């Protein structure tokens, strides 16, 4: 399967683009760099995992993407707390990141069944 056909990849690309657009005026370049990198890491790791040759490697990179979702969620919370991110926008990004994480969890579970089918 081509990663570009995955809904989780499409949605994570959109979220990453929203982060870049929403934070483009932020002067705290360290924070902006970190949060945009976390967001960018999600679709990038999905793509890299699907570009690898084995199911085990794909799963590994899906786990990296899931970890990046958790990192992003933390940074969004901090961004709201310090006033860098408007609360309503942050809540939307937070919810999307949580949904992406759940989707990645389901994809990992499905991929694992290819390694050791359920009995």
Protein backbone atom coordinates (compact mmCIF):
# COMPACT_ATOMS: atom_id res chain seq x y z
CA UNK A 1 0.00 0.00 0.00
CA UNK A 2 1.16 3.51 -0.78
CA UNK A 3 1.35 5.72 2.32
CA UNK A 4 -0.30 8.58 0.39
CA UNK A 5 -3.53 6.59 0.39
CA UNK A 6 -3.64 6.35 4.19
CA UNK A 7 -6.14 8.66 5.88
CA UNK A 8 -3.84 8.97 8.90
CA UNK A 9 -1.05 10.26 6.66
CA UNK A 10 -3.34 12.74 4.88
CA UNK A 11 -4.69 14.11 8.14
CA UNK A 12 -1.26 14.35 9.73
CA UNK A 13 0.01 16.30 6.70
CA UNK A 14 -2.90 18.74 7.13
CA UNK A 15 -2.20 19.11 10.85
CA UNK A 16 1.48 19.76 10.21
CA UNK A 17 0.62 22.44 7.65
CA UNK A 18 -1.85 24.03 10.11
CA UNK A 19 0.86 24.18 12.78
CA UNK A 20 3.25 25.96 10.43
CA UNK A 21 0.56 28.41 9.34
CA UNK A 22 -0.83 29.01 12.81
CA UNK A 23 2.55 29.66 14.39
CA UNK A 24 4.28 31.55 11.59
CA UNK A 25 4.21 34.84 13.51
CA UNK A 26 5.54 33.37 16.76
CA UNK A 27 8.82 34.99 17.78
CA UNK A 28 9.92 32.20 20.16
CA UNK A 29 11.80 30.37 17.44
CA UNK A 30 12.93 27.53 19.73
CA UNK A 31 9.38 26.64 20.68
CA UNK A 32 8.09 27.12 17.14
CA UNK A 33 10.86 24.92 15.75
CA UNK A 34 10.20 22.17 18.29
CA UNK A 35 6.42 22.01 17.86
CA UNK A 36 6.54 22.20 14.07
CA UNK A 37 9.18 19.45 14.02
CA UNK A 38 6.96 17.23 16.16
CA UNK A 39 4.04 17.82 13.81
CA UNK A 40 6.20 17.23 10.75
CA UNK A 41 7.58 14.04 12.26
CA UNK A 42 4.19 12.29 12.25
CA UNK A 43 3.56 12.08 8.47
CA UNK A 44 7.29 11.80 7.79
CA UNK A 45 7.64 8.70 9.96
CA UNK A 46 4.54 7.14 8.42
CA UNK A 47 6.04 7.68 4.98
CA UNK A 48 9.44 6.39 6.00
CA UNK A 49 7.92 3.30 7.59
CA UNK A 50 6.03 2.45 4.42
CA UNK A 51 9.19 3.08 2.42
CA UNK A 52 11.02 0.41 4.38
CA UNK A 53 11.16 -3.15 3.18
CA UNK A 54 9.65 -5.05 6.07
CA UNK A 55 6.49 -5.06 8.15
CA UNK A 56 8.60 -4.93 11.34
CA UNK A 57 10.31 -1.74 10.17
CA UNK A 58 6.97 -0.25 9.15
CA UNK A 59 5.63 -0.94 12.65
CA UNK A 60 8.73 0.61 14.22
CA UNK A 61 8.23 3.86 12.30
CA UNK A 62 4.51 3.89 13.05
CA UNK A 63 5.51 3.75 16.72
CA UNK A 64 7.81 6.73 16.14
CA UNK A 65 4.89 8.61 14.57
CA UNK A 66 2.69 7.73 17.54
CA UNK A 67 5.40 8.99 19.90
CA UNK A 68 5.57 12.24 17.95
CA UNK A 69 1.82 12.64 18.48
CA UNK A 70 2.36 12.43 22.25
CA UNK A 71 5.22 14.92 22.03
CA UNK A 72 3.03 17.26 19.99
CA UNK A 73 0.15 16.99 22.46
CA UNK A 74 2.49 18.02 25.28
CA UNK A 75 3.82 20.98 23.32
CA UNK A 76 0.32 22.15 22.42
CA UNK A 77 -0.65 22.11 26.10
CA UNK A 78 2.45 24.13 26.98
CA UNK A 79 1.77 26.50 24.08
CA UNK A 80 -1.72 27.16 25.41
CA UNK A 81 -0.44 27.62 28.97
CA UNK A 82 2.16 30.23 27.98
CA UNK A 83 -0.21 32.03 25.62
CA UNK A 84 1.46 31.10 22.33
CA UNK A 85 -1.54 29.14 21.11
CA UNK A 86 -5.13 30.39 21.32
CA UNK A 87 -7.03 27.96 23.54
CA UNK A 88 -9.73 26.96 21.02
CA UNK A 89 -7.15 26.37 18.28
CA UNK A 90 -5.03 24.35 20.69
CA UNK A 91 -7.98 22.19 21.67
CA UNK A 92 -8.66 21.43 18.00
CA UNK A 93 -5.01 20.53 17.36
CA UNK A 94 -4.97 18.44 20.54
CA UNK A 95 -8.08 16.49 19.49
CA UNK A 96 -6.70 15.89 16.01
CA UNK A 97 -3.40 14.67 17.43
CA UNK A 98 -5.24 12.30 19.78
CA UNK A 99 -7.29 10.92 16.89
CA UNK A 100 -4.17 10.45 14.79
CA UNK A 101 -2.54 8.58 17.67
CA UNK A 102 -5.55 6.27 17.94
CA UNK A 103 -5.50 5.69 14.18
CA UNK A 104 -1.81 4.83 14.34
CA UNK A 105 -2.51 2.41 17.19
CA UNK A 106 -5.08 0.63 15.04
CA UNK A 107 -2.71 0.52 12.09
CA UNK A 108 0.06 -0.92 14.27
CA UNK A 109 -2.32 -3.60 15.55
CA UNK A 110 -3.31 -4.52 11.98
CA UNK A 111 0.32 -4.66 10.86
CA UNK A 112 1.23 -6.89 13.81
CA UNK A 113 -1.33 -9.42 12.62
CA UNK A 114 0.72 -9.77 9.43
CA UNK A 115 3.69 -10.86 11.54
CA UNK A 116 1.82 -13.27 13.81
CA UNK A 117 -1.81 -13.83 12.79
CA UNK A 118 -4.30 -14.25 15.69
CA UNK A 119 -5.13 -17.84 16.66
